[in-house]
N, C-alpha and C. Protein backbone atom coordinates (compact mmCIF):
# COMPACT_ATOMS: atom_id res chain seq x y z
N GLN A 1 120.30 105.60 98.51
CA GLN A 1 119.93 106.86 99.16
C GLN A 1 119.45 107.85 98.11
N PRO A 2 118.27 108.43 98.33
CA PRO A 2 117.71 109.37 97.35
C PRO A 2 118.53 110.64 97.19
N GLN A 3 118.48 111.19 95.98
CA GLN A 3 119.06 112.48 95.67
C GLN A 3 117.93 113.38 95.17
N VAL A 4 117.91 114.62 95.64
CA VAL A 4 116.74 115.47 95.47
C VAL A 4 117.12 116.82 94.85
N ASP A 5 116.23 117.33 94.01
CA ASP A 5 116.36 118.69 93.49
C ASP A 5 115.98 119.65 94.62
N LEU A 6 116.93 120.49 95.04
CA LEU A 6 116.68 121.37 96.18
C LEU A 6 115.53 122.34 95.93
N ARG A 7 115.40 122.80 94.72
CA ARG A 7 114.39 123.82 94.42
C ARG A 7 113.00 123.23 94.29
N THR A 8 112.88 122.12 93.54
CA THR A 8 111.56 121.55 93.26
C THR A 8 111.17 120.43 94.22
N LYS A 9 112.14 119.93 95.02
CA LYS A 9 111.95 118.79 95.92
C LYS A 9 111.69 117.48 95.16
N GLU A 10 111.98 117.51 93.86
CA GLU A 10 111.75 116.33 93.03
C GLU A 10 112.88 115.32 93.21
N LEU A 11 112.53 114.04 93.24
CA LEU A 11 113.54 112.98 93.28
C LEU A 11 114.24 112.93 91.94
N ILE A 12 115.58 113.04 91.95
CA ILE A 12 116.30 113.07 90.67
C ILE A 12 117.30 111.91 90.53
N GLY A 13 117.52 111.16 91.61
CA GLY A 13 118.48 110.07 91.51
C GLY A 13 118.58 109.29 92.80
N LEU A 14 119.38 108.23 92.73
CA LEU A 14 119.68 107.38 93.87
C LEU A 14 121.17 107.08 93.87
N GLU A 15 121.75 106.94 95.04
CA GLU A 15 123.13 106.45 95.11
C GLU A 15 123.10 105.05 95.70
N ALA A 16 123.71 104.10 94.99
CA ALA A 16 123.80 102.73 95.47
C ALA A 16 124.99 102.61 96.42
N LEU A 17 124.72 102.26 97.66
CA LEU A 17 125.76 102.16 98.69
C LEU A 17 125.87 100.71 99.16
N ILE A 18 127.07 100.16 99.06
CA ILE A 18 127.24 98.76 99.41
C ILE A 18 127.31 98.56 100.92
N ARG A 19 126.66 97.50 101.40
CA ARG A 19 126.71 97.10 102.79
C ARG A 19 126.90 95.57 102.85
N TRP A 20 127.71 95.12 103.79
CA TRP A 20 127.90 93.69 104.01
C TRP A 20 126.96 93.29 105.13
N ILE A 21 125.98 92.45 104.83
CA ILE A 21 125.02 92.02 105.83
C ILE A 21 125.42 90.64 106.34
N ASP A 22 125.99 90.61 107.53
CA ASP A 22 126.47 89.37 108.14
C ASP A 22 125.39 88.81 109.06
N PRO A 23 125.14 87.49 109.02
CA PRO A 23 124.07 86.91 109.85
C PRO A 23 124.28 87.08 111.35
N ILE A 24 125.53 87.26 111.78
CA ILE A 24 125.81 87.41 113.21
C ILE A 24 126.07 88.86 113.58
N GLN A 25 126.93 89.53 112.82
CA GLN A 25 127.31 90.90 113.16
C GLN A 25 126.36 91.96 112.62
N GLY A 26 125.47 91.55 111.73
CA GLY A 26 124.54 92.52 111.15
C GLY A 26 125.19 93.29 110.01
N ILE A 27 124.85 94.56 109.89
CA ILE A 27 125.37 95.39 108.81
C ILE A 27 126.79 95.84 109.13
N ILE A 28 127.72 95.52 108.22
CA ILE A 28 129.12 95.90 108.37
C ILE A 28 129.42 97.04 107.39
N SER A 29 130.00 98.10 107.91
CA SER A 29 130.27 99.29 107.11
C SER A 29 131.32 99.01 106.04
N PRO A 30 131.19 99.66 104.88
CA PRO A 30 132.21 99.53 103.84
C PRO A 30 133.57 100.08 104.30
N LEU A 31 133.56 100.96 105.30
CA LEU A 31 134.83 101.46 105.83
C LEU A 31 135.65 100.33 106.44
N THR A 32 134.97 99.26 106.81
CA THR A 32 135.63 98.10 107.40
C THR A 32 136.13 97.13 106.34
N PHE A 33 135.26 96.81 105.36
CA PHE A 33 135.62 95.74 104.43
C PHE A 33 136.19 96.18 103.08
N ILE A 34 135.96 97.43 102.67
CA ILE A 34 136.51 97.87 101.39
C ILE A 34 138.04 97.92 101.41
N PRO A 35 138.67 98.46 102.47
CA PRO A 35 140.14 98.42 102.50
C PRO A 35 140.68 97.00 102.43
N LEU A 36 140.00 96.06 103.06
CA LEU A 36 140.41 94.66 103.00
C LEU A 36 140.25 94.11 101.58
N ALA A 37 139.16 94.50 100.92
CA ALA A 37 138.94 94.07 99.55
C ALA A 37 140.02 94.61 98.63
N GLU A 38 140.48 95.82 98.90
CA GLU A 38 141.55 96.41 98.10
C GLU A 38 142.87 95.69 98.33
N GLU A 39 143.12 95.33 99.58
CA GLU A 39 144.37 94.63 99.92
C GLU A 39 144.41 93.22 99.31
N THR A 40 143.28 92.55 99.27
CA THR A 40 143.24 91.17 98.80
C THR A 40 143.01 91.05 97.29
N GLY A 41 142.73 92.18 96.63
CA GLY A 41 142.50 92.14 95.20
C GLY A 41 141.07 91.81 94.81
N MET A 42 140.17 91.77 95.78
CA MET A 42 138.77 91.44 95.48
C MET A 42 137.95 92.66 95.06
N ILE A 43 138.55 93.84 95.14
CA ILE A 43 137.79 95.06 94.88
C ILE A 43 137.25 95.11 93.45
N GLY A 44 137.98 94.53 92.51
CA GLY A 44 137.52 94.52 91.13
C GLY A 44 136.24 93.73 90.96
N LYS A 45 136.20 92.52 91.53
CA LYS A 45 135.00 91.68 91.42
C LYS A 45 133.82 92.30 92.16
N ILE A 46 134.11 92.87 93.33
CA ILE A 46 133.04 93.53 94.09
C ILE A 46 132.50 94.71 93.31
N GLY A 47 133.41 95.50 92.72
CA GLY A 47 132.99 96.66 91.94
C GLY A 47 132.13 96.28 90.75
N ASP A 48 132.51 95.20 90.06
CA ASP A 48 131.71 94.72 88.92
C ASP A 48 130.31 94.33 89.38
N TRP A 49 130.25 93.62 90.51
CA TRP A 49 128.97 93.17 91.05
C TRP A 49 128.08 94.36 91.39
N VAL A 50 128.67 95.40 91.99
CA VAL A 50 127.90 96.59 92.38
C VAL A 50 127.26 97.24 91.16
N ILE A 51 128.01 97.37 90.08
CA ILE A 51 127.47 97.98 88.87
C ILE A 51 126.29 97.17 88.33
N ARG A 52 126.50 95.87 88.23
CA ARG A 52 125.42 94.99 87.72
C ARG A 52 124.19 95.05 88.62
N LYS A 53 124.43 94.96 89.92
CA LYS A 53 123.32 94.94 90.88
C LYS A 53 122.57 96.26 90.89
N ALA A 54 123.29 97.36 90.81
CA ALA A 54 122.64 98.68 90.81
C ALA A 54 121.75 98.85 89.58
N CYS A 55 122.26 98.43 88.43
CA CYS A 55 121.45 98.51 87.20
C CYS A 55 120.21 97.62 87.31
N GLU A 56 120.42 96.44 87.83
CA GLU A 56 119.33 95.48 87.98
C GLU A 56 118.25 96.02 88.92
N GLU A 57 118.67 96.55 90.07
CA GLU A 57 117.71 97.06 91.06
C GLU A 57 116.98 98.30 90.55
N ASN A 58 117.70 99.18 89.87
CA ASN A 58 117.06 100.38 89.35
C ASN A 58 116.00 100.03 88.32
N LYS A 59 116.33 99.11 87.43
CA LYS A 59 115.36 98.70 86.42
C LYS A 59 114.16 98.01 87.06
N ARG A 60 114.41 97.19 88.08
CA ARG A 60 113.31 96.49 88.77
C ARG A 60 112.39 97.50 89.45
N LEU A 61 112.98 98.51 90.10
CA LEU A 61 112.17 99.53 90.75
C LEU A 61 111.31 100.29 89.74
N GLN A 62 111.91 100.60 88.59
CA GLN A 62 111.17 101.30 87.55
C GLN A 62 109.96 100.50 87.09
N LYS A 63 110.14 99.19 86.93
CA LYS A 63 109.04 98.33 86.49
C LYS A 63 107.92 98.27 87.52
N LEU A 64 108.29 98.54 88.79
CA LEU A 64 107.30 98.50 89.87
C LEU A 64 106.67 99.86 90.13
N GLY A 65 107.00 100.84 89.27
CA GLY A 65 106.36 102.15 89.38
C GLY A 65 107.18 103.24 90.01
N PHE A 66 108.43 102.91 90.42
CA PHE A 66 109.30 103.93 90.99
C PHE A 66 109.75 104.87 89.88
N PRO A 67 109.99 106.14 90.16
CA PRO A 67 110.41 107.08 89.11
C PRO A 67 111.67 106.62 88.38
N ALA A 68 111.70 106.89 87.08
CA ALA A 68 112.86 106.52 86.26
C ALA A 68 113.95 107.56 86.45
N VAL A 69 114.81 107.33 87.45
CA VAL A 69 115.88 108.28 87.77
C VAL A 69 117.23 107.58 87.66
N LYS A 70 118.28 108.35 87.77
CA LYS A 70 119.63 107.79 87.71
C LYS A 70 119.95 107.02 88.98
N VAL A 71 120.77 105.98 88.83
CA VAL A 71 121.38 105.33 89.99
C VAL A 71 122.89 105.56 89.88
N ALA A 72 123.50 106.03 90.97
CA ALA A 72 124.92 106.35 90.97
C ALA A 72 125.70 105.24 91.68
N VAL A 73 126.83 104.85 91.09
CA VAL A 73 127.70 103.85 91.70
C VAL A 73 129.11 104.42 91.80
N ASN A 74 129.80 104.06 92.87
CA ASN A 74 131.18 104.49 93.07
C ASN A 74 132.13 103.52 92.38
N VAL A 75 133.10 104.05 91.67
CA VAL A 75 134.08 103.23 90.97
C VAL A 75 135.44 103.40 91.63
N SER A 76 136.10 102.31 91.90
CA SER A 76 137.40 102.33 92.57
C SER A 76 138.52 102.68 91.59
N ALA A 77 139.68 103.01 92.16
CA ALA A 77 140.85 103.29 91.33
C ALA A 77 141.21 102.07 90.50
N TYR A 78 141.10 100.89 91.09
CA TYR A 78 141.42 99.65 90.38
C TYR A 78 140.53 99.51 89.14
N GLN A 79 139.23 99.71 89.31
CA GLN A 79 138.31 99.59 88.17
C GLN A 79 138.62 100.62 87.10
N PHE A 80 138.88 101.85 87.54
CA PHE A 80 139.11 102.91 86.58
C PHE A 80 140.37 102.68 85.77
N ARG A 81 141.40 102.10 86.42
CA ARG A 81 142.65 101.81 85.71
C ARG A 81 142.49 100.68 84.70
N HIS A 82 141.48 99.86 84.88
CA HIS A 82 141.17 98.78 83.93
C HIS A 82 139.97 99.23 83.08
N GLY A 83 140.21 100.28 82.34
CA GLY A 83 139.15 100.98 81.64
C GLY A 83 138.35 100.16 80.65
N ASP A 84 139.03 99.34 79.86
CA ASP A 84 138.31 98.53 78.87
C ASP A 84 137.33 97.58 79.55
N HIS A 85 137.79 96.96 80.63
CA HIS A 85 136.93 96.04 81.37
C HIS A 85 135.75 96.79 81.99
N LEU A 86 136.02 97.97 82.54
CA LEU A 86 134.95 98.76 83.15
C LEU A 86 133.88 99.11 82.12
N CYS A 87 134.30 99.52 80.94
CA CYS A 87 133.33 99.85 79.89
C CYS A 87 132.52 98.62 79.49
N GLU A 88 133.18 97.47 79.44
CA GLU A 88 132.47 96.24 79.10
C GLU A 88 131.44 95.88 80.15
N VAL A 89 131.81 96.01 81.41
CA VAL A 89 130.89 95.68 82.51
C VAL A 89 129.68 96.61 82.47
N ILE A 90 129.91 97.89 82.25
CA ILE A 90 128.81 98.85 82.19
C ILE A 90 127.90 98.54 81.01
N THR A 91 128.50 98.31 79.84
CA THR A 91 127.71 98.01 78.64
C THR A 91 126.89 96.74 78.83
N ASP A 92 127.53 95.68 79.35
CA ASP A 92 126.84 94.41 79.57
C ASP A 92 125.71 94.57 80.59
N SER A 93 125.96 95.35 81.65
CA SER A 93 124.95 95.54 82.69
C SER A 93 123.73 96.29 82.15
N LEU A 94 123.98 97.31 81.35
CA LEU A 94 122.88 98.06 80.75
C LEU A 94 122.10 97.18 79.77
N ASP A 95 122.83 96.44 78.94
CA ASP A 95 122.17 95.59 77.94
C ASP A 95 121.35 94.47 78.58
N SER A 96 121.93 93.82 79.59
CA SER A 96 121.25 92.67 80.20
C SER A 96 120.04 93.06 81.03
N THR A 97 120.06 94.27 81.60
CA THR A 97 118.94 94.70 82.43
C THR A 97 117.92 95.54 81.66
N GLY A 98 118.34 96.11 80.54
CA GLY A 98 117.46 96.99 79.79
C GLY A 98 117.40 98.39 80.36
N LEU A 99 118.30 98.70 81.30
CA LEU A 99 118.35 100.05 81.87
C LEU A 99 118.94 101.01 80.84
N LYS A 100 118.34 102.17 80.69
CA LYS A 100 118.86 103.17 79.77
C LYS A 100 120.15 103.75 80.33
N SER A 101 121.10 104.06 79.46
CA SER A 101 122.38 104.61 79.90
C SER A 101 122.20 105.92 80.66
N GLU A 102 121.18 106.67 80.31
CA GLU A 102 120.94 107.96 80.98
C GLU A 102 120.52 107.78 82.43
N HIS A 103 120.24 106.54 82.81
CA HIS A 103 119.82 106.25 84.19
C HIS A 103 120.93 105.62 85.01
N LEU A 104 122.18 105.77 84.55
CA LEU A 104 123.34 105.30 85.31
C LEU A 104 124.35 106.42 85.44
N SER A 105 124.86 106.60 86.66
CA SER A 105 125.90 107.60 86.92
C SER A 105 127.08 106.92 87.58
N VAL A 106 128.28 107.26 87.16
CA VAL A 106 129.51 106.72 87.74
C VAL A 106 130.20 107.83 88.52
N GLU A 107 130.56 107.52 89.78
CA GLU A 107 131.21 108.50 90.65
C GLU A 107 132.67 108.13 90.87
N LEU A 108 133.55 109.13 90.73
CA LEU A 108 134.99 108.95 90.90
C LEU A 108 135.53 110.00 91.86
N THR A 109 136.53 109.65 92.64
CA THR A 109 137.12 110.62 93.55
C THR A 109 138.20 111.42 92.83
N GLU A 110 138.51 112.59 93.40
CA GLU A 110 139.53 113.45 92.81
C GLU A 110 140.88 112.75 92.70
N SER A 111 141.24 111.99 93.73
CA SER A 111 142.56 111.34 93.75
C SER A 111 142.72 110.37 92.59
N ILE A 112 141.63 109.74 92.18
CA ILE A 112 141.68 108.83 91.02
C ILE A 112 141.93 109.63 89.74
N LEU A 113 141.25 110.76 89.63
CA LEU A 113 141.26 111.51 88.38
C LEU A 113 142.61 112.14 88.04
N ILE A 114 143.42 112.46 89.05
CA ILE A 114 144.66 113.18 88.72
C ILE A 114 145.89 112.29 88.70
N GLU A 115 145.72 110.98 88.79
CA GLU A 115 146.88 110.08 88.78
C GLU A 115 147.65 110.19 87.46
N ASP A 116 146.92 110.18 86.37
CA ASP A 116 147.53 110.33 85.04
C ASP A 116 146.50 111.09 84.21
N VAL A 117 146.65 112.39 84.16
CA VAL A 117 145.60 113.25 83.63
C VAL A 117 145.23 112.93 82.18
N GLU A 118 146.23 112.72 81.33
CA GLU A 118 145.93 112.45 79.92
C GLU A 118 145.18 111.13 79.77
N GLU A 119 145.61 110.12 80.51
CA GLU A 119 144.92 108.83 80.46
C GLU A 119 143.53 108.95 81.07
N THR A 120 143.42 109.75 82.11
CA THR A 120 142.12 109.98 82.75
C THR A 120 141.13 110.59 81.76
N ILE A 121 141.59 111.60 81.03
CA ILE A 121 140.71 112.25 80.05
C ILE A 121 140.26 111.25 78.99
N SER A 122 141.18 110.41 78.53
CA SER A 122 140.85 109.39 77.53
C SER A 122 139.81 108.42 78.07
N GLN A 123 140.03 107.97 79.31
CA GLN A 123 139.10 107.02 79.91
C GLN A 123 137.74 107.65 80.17
N LEU A 124 137.73 108.88 80.63
CA LEU A 124 136.46 109.56 80.88
C LEU A 124 135.67 109.73 79.58
N ASN A 125 136.38 110.02 78.50
CA ASN A 125 135.70 110.16 77.21
C ASN A 125 135.10 108.83 76.75
N ARG A 126 135.80 107.73 77.05
CA ARG A 126 135.25 106.41 76.70
C ARG A 126 133.98 106.13 77.49
N LEU A 127 134.01 106.48 78.77
CA LEU A 127 132.82 106.27 79.60
C LEU A 127 131.69 107.18 79.15
N LYS A 128 132.04 108.42 78.85
CA LYS A 128 131.03 109.39 78.43
C LYS A 128 130.34 108.94 77.14
N ALA A 129 131.10 108.28 76.28
CA ALA A 129 130.56 107.81 75.00
C ALA A 129 129.48 106.75 75.20
N LEU A 130 129.45 106.14 76.39
CA LEU A 130 128.42 105.12 76.68
C LEU A 130 127.07 105.76 76.98
N GLY A 131 127.07 107.08 77.17
CA GLY A 131 125.82 107.78 77.45
C GLY A 131 125.49 107.92 78.92
N ILE A 132 126.44 107.57 79.79
CA ILE A 132 126.20 107.66 81.23
C ILE A 132 126.62 109.03 81.77
N THR A 133 126.26 109.29 83.02
CA THR A 133 126.64 110.53 83.69
C THR A 133 127.91 110.30 84.51
N LEU A 134 128.78 111.31 84.57
CA LEU A 134 130.02 111.20 85.33
C LEU A 134 130.04 112.24 86.44
N ALA A 135 130.39 111.79 87.65
CA ALA A 135 130.40 112.68 88.81
C ALA A 135 131.73 112.59 89.54
N VAL A 136 132.17 113.71 90.12
CA VAL A 136 133.33 113.72 90.99
C VAL A 136 132.83 113.69 92.42
N ASP A 137 133.15 112.61 93.14
CA ASP A 137 132.66 112.40 94.49
C ASP A 137 133.57 113.07 95.51
N ASP A 138 132.98 113.48 96.64
CA ASP A 138 133.74 114.06 97.77
C ASP A 138 134.61 115.23 97.33
N PHE A 139 134.08 116.06 96.45
CA PHE A 139 134.89 117.15 95.92
C PHE A 139 135.31 118.10 97.03
N GLY A 140 136.58 118.50 96.99
CA GLY A 140 137.11 119.41 97.98
C GLY A 140 137.99 118.74 99.02
N THR A 141 137.92 117.41 99.11
CA THR A 141 138.71 116.70 100.12
C THR A 141 140.03 116.21 99.58
N GLY A 142 140.15 116.19 98.26
CA GLY A 142 141.38 115.67 97.65
C GLY A 142 142.27 116.78 97.15
N TYR A 143 142.73 116.63 95.91
CA TYR A 143 143.70 117.56 95.37
C TYR A 143 143.07 118.78 94.72
N SER A 144 141.82 118.64 94.31
CA SER A 144 141.10 119.77 93.71
C SER A 144 141.92 120.49 92.64
N SER A 145 142.38 119.75 91.67
CA SER A 145 143.19 120.33 90.59
C SER A 145 142.29 121.09 89.62
N LEU A 146 142.08 122.35 89.93
CA LEU A 146 141.13 123.15 89.17
C LEU A 146 141.56 123.33 87.72
N SER A 147 142.87 123.31 87.49
CA SER A 147 143.35 123.50 86.13
C SER A 147 142.94 122.35 85.22
N TYR A 148 142.71 121.18 85.82
CA TYR A 148 142.31 120.02 85.03
C TYR A 148 140.79 119.87 84.96
N LEU A 149 140.11 120.46 85.93
CA LEU A 149 138.67 120.24 86.03
C LEU A 149 137.94 120.62 84.75
N LYS A 150 138.35 121.71 84.12
CA LYS A 150 137.68 122.16 82.91
C LYS A 150 137.93 121.21 81.73
N ARG A 151 138.97 120.36 81.84
CA ARG A 151 139.28 119.44 80.75
C ARG A 151 138.57 118.09 80.90
N PHE A 152 138.06 117.83 82.10
CA PHE A 152 137.39 116.54 82.33
C PHE A 152 135.93 116.62 81.86
N PRO A 153 135.49 115.65 81.06
CA PRO A 153 134.09 115.66 80.59
C PRO A 153 133.13 115.15 81.66
N ILE A 154 133.06 115.87 82.79
CA ILE A 154 132.21 115.44 83.89
C ILE A 154 130.93 116.26 83.93
N ASP A 155 129.96 115.75 84.67
CA ASP A 155 128.65 116.39 84.72
C ASP A 155 128.31 116.94 86.10
N ILE A 156 128.79 116.26 87.15
CA ILE A 156 128.35 116.59 88.51
C ILE A 156 129.53 116.72 89.46
N LEU A 157 129.50 117.75 90.32
CA LEU A 157 130.42 117.88 91.43
C LEU A 157 129.65 117.58 92.71
N LYS A 158 130.15 116.65 93.51
CA LYS A 158 129.49 116.33 94.78
C LYS A 158 130.31 116.93 95.93
N ILE A 159 129.70 117.84 96.68
CA ILE A 159 130.39 118.47 97.81
C ILE A 159 130.41 117.48 98.97
N ASP A 160 131.59 117.23 99.50
CA ASP A 160 131.72 116.27 100.60
C ASP A 160 130.94 116.73 101.83
N GLN A 161 130.36 115.75 102.53
CA GLN A 161 129.53 116.06 103.68
C GLN A 161 130.30 116.73 104.83
N SER A 162 131.62 116.55 104.86
CA SER A 162 132.41 117.18 105.92
C SER A 162 132.33 118.70 105.86
N PHE A 163 132.09 119.26 104.68
CA PHE A 163 131.95 120.70 104.55
C PHE A 163 130.53 121.17 104.87
N ILE A 164 129.56 120.28 104.64
CA ILE A 164 128.16 120.65 104.86
C ILE A 164 127.81 120.62 106.35
N ARG A 165 128.41 119.70 107.08
CA ARG A 165 128.05 119.46 108.48
C ARG A 165 128.07 120.74 109.32
N ASP A 166 129.12 121.54 109.19
CA ASP A 166 129.26 122.74 110.02
C ASP A 166 129.15 124.04 109.22
N ILE A 167 128.45 123.95 108.12
CA ILE A 167 128.40 125.09 107.19
C ILE A 167 127.82 126.35 107.84
N LEU A 168 126.95 126.18 108.81
CA LEU A 168 126.32 127.34 109.44
C LEU A 168 127.14 127.92 110.58
N ASP A 169 128.17 127.19 111.01
CA ASP A 169 128.97 127.61 112.17
C ASP A 169 130.44 127.85 111.85
N ASP A 170 130.90 127.38 110.71
CA ASP A 170 132.31 127.47 110.37
C ASP A 170 132.48 128.30 109.10
N ALA A 171 133.11 129.44 109.25
CA ALA A 171 133.27 130.36 108.11
C ALA A 171 134.10 129.74 107.00
N ASN A 172 135.06 128.89 107.36
CA ASN A 172 135.88 128.24 106.34
C ASN A 172 135.06 127.27 105.50
N ASP A 173 134.23 126.45 106.17
CA ASP A 173 133.37 125.53 105.43
C ASP A 173 132.39 126.29 104.55
N GLU A 174 131.86 127.38 105.08
CA GLU A 174 130.93 128.20 104.31
C GLU A 174 131.61 128.74 103.04
N ALA A 175 132.83 129.22 103.21
CA ALA A 175 133.57 129.78 102.06
C ALA A 175 133.86 128.70 101.01
N ILE A 176 134.25 127.52 101.48
CA ILE A 176 134.57 126.42 100.56
C ILE A 176 133.32 125.99 99.79
N VAL A 177 132.22 125.82 100.49
CA VAL A 177 130.98 125.38 99.84
C VAL A 177 130.52 126.42 98.82
N ASN A 178 130.54 127.67 99.21
CA ASN A 178 130.12 128.73 98.28
C ASN A 178 131.00 128.78 97.04
N ALA A 179 132.30 128.56 97.24
CA ALA A 179 133.24 128.57 96.12
C ALA A 179 132.98 127.41 95.17
N ILE A 180 132.72 126.23 95.73
CA ILE A 180 132.46 125.04 94.90
C ILE A 180 131.18 125.24 94.10
N ILE A 181 130.14 125.74 94.76
CA ILE A 181 128.87 125.97 94.06
C ILE A 181 129.06 126.99 92.93
N GLY A 182 129.73 128.09 93.24
CA GLY A 182 129.94 129.13 92.24
C GLY A 182 130.78 128.63 91.07
N MET A 183 131.84 127.90 91.39
CA MET A 183 132.71 127.38 90.35
C MET A 183 131.98 126.36 89.48
N GLY A 184 131.24 125.46 90.13
CA GLY A 184 130.50 124.44 89.39
C GLY A 184 129.50 125.06 88.43
N ARG A 185 128.77 126.02 88.91
CA ARG A 185 127.77 126.67 88.05
C ARG A 185 128.45 127.43 86.90
N SER A 186 129.59 128.06 87.18
CA SER A 186 130.31 128.80 86.14
C SER A 186 130.82 127.86 85.04
N LEU A 187 131.17 126.63 85.43
CA LEU A 187 131.67 125.65 84.47
C LEU A 187 130.55 124.84 83.81
N GLY A 188 129.32 125.16 84.17
CA GLY A 188 128.19 124.45 83.59
C GLY A 188 127.97 123.08 84.17
N LEU A 189 128.44 122.87 85.41
CA LEU A 189 128.29 121.58 86.07
C LEU A 189 127.15 121.62 87.07
N THR A 190 126.56 120.47 87.32
CA THR A 190 125.56 120.34 88.37
C THR A 190 126.28 120.12 89.69
N VAL A 191 125.83 120.77 90.76
CA VAL A 191 126.46 120.64 92.07
C VAL A 191 125.49 119.95 93.03
N LEU A 192 125.97 118.89 93.67
CA LEU A 192 125.16 118.11 94.60
C LEU A 192 125.84 118.11 95.97
N ALA A 193 125.11 118.49 97.00
CA ALA A 193 125.65 118.52 98.36
C ALA A 193 125.28 117.23 99.09
N GLU A 194 126.30 116.59 99.68
CA GLU A 194 126.07 115.38 100.46
C GLU A 194 125.92 115.74 101.94
N GLY A 195 125.30 114.85 102.70
CA GLY A 195 125.23 115.03 104.15
C GLY A 195 124.29 116.14 104.59
N VAL A 196 123.24 116.39 103.83
CA VAL A 196 122.26 117.42 104.22
C VAL A 196 121.32 116.80 105.26
N GLU A 197 121.41 117.28 106.49
CA GLU A 197 120.68 116.64 107.59
C GLU A 197 119.61 117.52 108.22
N THR A 198 119.65 118.82 107.98
CA THR A 198 118.69 119.72 108.62
C THR A 198 118.05 120.65 107.60
N THR A 199 116.90 121.22 107.99
CA THR A 199 116.25 122.18 107.10
C THR A 199 117.11 123.45 106.96
N ALA A 200 117.92 123.74 107.99
CA ALA A 200 118.81 124.89 107.91
C ALA A 200 119.88 124.66 106.84
N HIS A 201 120.43 123.44 106.79
CA HIS A 201 121.37 123.09 105.71
C HIS A 201 120.69 123.30 104.36
N ARG A 202 119.51 122.74 104.24
CA ARG A 202 118.77 122.81 102.97
C ARG A 202 118.53 124.25 102.56
N ASP A 203 118.04 125.06 103.48
CA ASP A 203 117.70 126.45 103.16
C ASP A 203 118.94 127.24 102.74
N TYR A 204 120.05 126.97 103.41
CA TYR A 204 121.28 127.68 103.05
C TYR A 204 121.71 127.31 101.64
N LEU A 205 121.67 126.03 101.32
CA LEU A 205 122.09 125.58 100.00
C LEU A 205 121.18 126.11 98.90
N ILE A 206 119.89 126.21 99.19
CA ILE A 206 118.96 126.79 98.23
C ILE A 206 119.32 128.26 97.98
N GLU A 207 119.63 128.96 99.06
CA GLU A 207 120.00 130.38 98.96
C GLU A 207 121.25 130.56 98.11
N GLN A 208 122.17 129.58 98.17
CA GLN A 208 123.41 129.66 97.40
C GLN A 208 123.28 129.09 95.99
N ALA A 209 122.05 128.66 95.64
CA ALA A 209 121.75 128.13 94.30
C ALA A 209 122.43 126.81 94.01
N CYS A 210 122.64 125.99 95.05
CA CYS A 210 123.09 124.61 94.83
C CYS A 210 121.95 123.85 94.16
N HIS A 211 122.28 122.92 93.29
CA HIS A 211 121.25 122.23 92.52
C HIS A 211 120.56 121.10 93.30
N PHE A 212 121.37 120.11 93.72
CA PHE A 212 120.83 118.88 94.28
C PHE A 212 121.39 118.60 95.67
N ALA A 213 120.75 117.66 96.38
CA ALA A 213 121.22 117.30 97.71
C ALA A 213 120.85 115.85 98.02
N GLN A 214 121.60 115.27 98.96
CA GLN A 214 121.21 113.99 99.54
C GLN A 214 121.65 113.99 100.99
N GLY A 215 120.95 113.23 101.81
CA GLY A 215 121.29 113.20 103.22
C GLY A 215 120.10 112.76 104.06
N TYR A 216 120.33 112.68 105.36
CA TYR A 216 119.31 112.16 106.27
C TYR A 216 118.06 113.03 106.34
N LEU A 217 118.15 114.31 105.98
CA LEU A 217 116.96 115.15 105.94
C LEU A 217 115.91 114.53 105.03
N TYR A 218 116.36 113.94 103.96
CA TYR A 218 115.45 113.35 102.98
C TYR A 218 115.24 111.85 103.23
N SER A 219 116.33 111.15 103.45
CA SER A 219 116.21 109.71 103.71
C SER A 219 117.57 109.11 104.04
N LYS A 220 117.57 108.17 104.98
CA LYS A 220 118.75 107.36 105.18
C LYS A 220 118.82 106.35 104.03
N PRO A 221 119.98 105.76 103.80
CA PRO A 221 120.05 104.68 102.80
C PRO A 221 119.12 103.55 103.20
N LYS A 222 118.39 103.02 102.23
CA LYS A 222 117.42 101.95 102.50
C LYS A 222 117.56 100.84 101.48
N PRO A 223 117.20 99.61 101.85
CA PRO A 223 117.10 98.54 100.85
C PRO A 223 116.07 98.94 99.79
N ALA A 224 116.22 98.44 98.59
CA ALA A 224 115.38 98.87 97.46
C ALA A 224 113.89 98.71 97.74
N ASP A 225 113.50 97.57 98.30
CA ASP A 225 112.07 97.33 98.54
C ASP A 225 111.50 98.28 99.59
N GLU A 226 112.32 98.62 100.59
CA GLU A 226 111.87 99.58 101.60
C GLU A 226 111.73 100.97 101.00
N LEU A 227 112.66 101.31 100.12
CA LEU A 227 112.61 102.59 99.43
C LEU A 227 111.34 102.69 98.59
N LEU A 228 111.00 101.61 97.90
CA LEU A 228 109.79 101.57 97.07
C LEU A 228 108.55 101.73 97.94
N ALA A 229 108.53 101.04 99.08
CA ALA A 229 107.37 101.13 99.97
C ALA A 229 107.18 102.55 100.49
N CYS A 230 108.28 103.22 100.83
CA CYS A 230 108.20 104.61 101.29
C CYS A 230 107.67 105.51 100.19
N TRP A 231 108.13 105.26 98.96
CA TRP A 231 107.66 106.07 97.84
C TRP A 231 106.16 105.87 97.62
N GLN A 232 105.74 104.63 97.66
CA GLN A 232 104.32 104.33 97.45
C GLN A 232 103.44 104.93 98.54
N ALA A 233 104.01 105.01 99.75
CA ALA A 233 103.27 105.58 100.88
C ALA A 233 103.33 107.10 100.92
N GLY A 234 104.15 107.68 100.03
CA GLY A 234 104.30 109.12 99.98
C GLY A 234 105.09 109.71 101.13
N SER A 235 105.92 108.87 101.76
CA SER A 235 106.67 109.32 102.95
C SER A 235 108.16 109.43 102.73
N LEU A 236 108.59 109.44 101.47
CA LEU A 236 110.01 109.39 101.19
C LEU A 236 110.71 110.73 101.37
N LEU A 237 110.12 111.80 100.87
CA LEU A 237 110.82 113.09 100.84
C LEU A 237 110.09 114.15 101.66
N LEU A 238 110.86 115.15 102.08
CA LEU A 238 110.28 116.28 102.80
C LEU A 238 109.98 117.42 101.83
């Protein structure tokens, strides 16, 4: 799914979203199979595959003329707790595909980050040393430990779509979104809003000086080749 600069409308990144494509049932949501993967212990192998595949697809798209932008992947608590292995997988994926480290972003949820703060900081620094971008996903839905946020070497705060959905009608959502944008900018972080579906959402976020956005207004998640075709046809972004 494309990520866009709200001000310039420029494509600045992609988020790689896993889907299970079953020959009979069709596309199965990760909400269905990821919890099962976590229960069975397969989440580590799936997570490794996602990183490799995302790097591979991003590099392939670049070779076909798609803009050289970041691809973001979600990392599970299991992967993050096995930090040495995670760093190895990322390094191997970048080396084997030839993708530049600046074109990979790793997304982590708040709940993962505050489990063991000192260990988290150490692990984040190891990841940061690889040259990749670090993002906090679904910000505002978890613990939001602001006292630790300034200590984490992160680059991007992603506002959860649950706050964006009713931002024009719910004063509480409006207050939360404005606070996250203001705080992120004050800390020198980039703020990205998820779930942007209407021009009214977009205009409000621009007015509040949010940096980036992703959502159905710009594009639904698409297979890589379909995304490339839309880009070539000039029909990808509004």
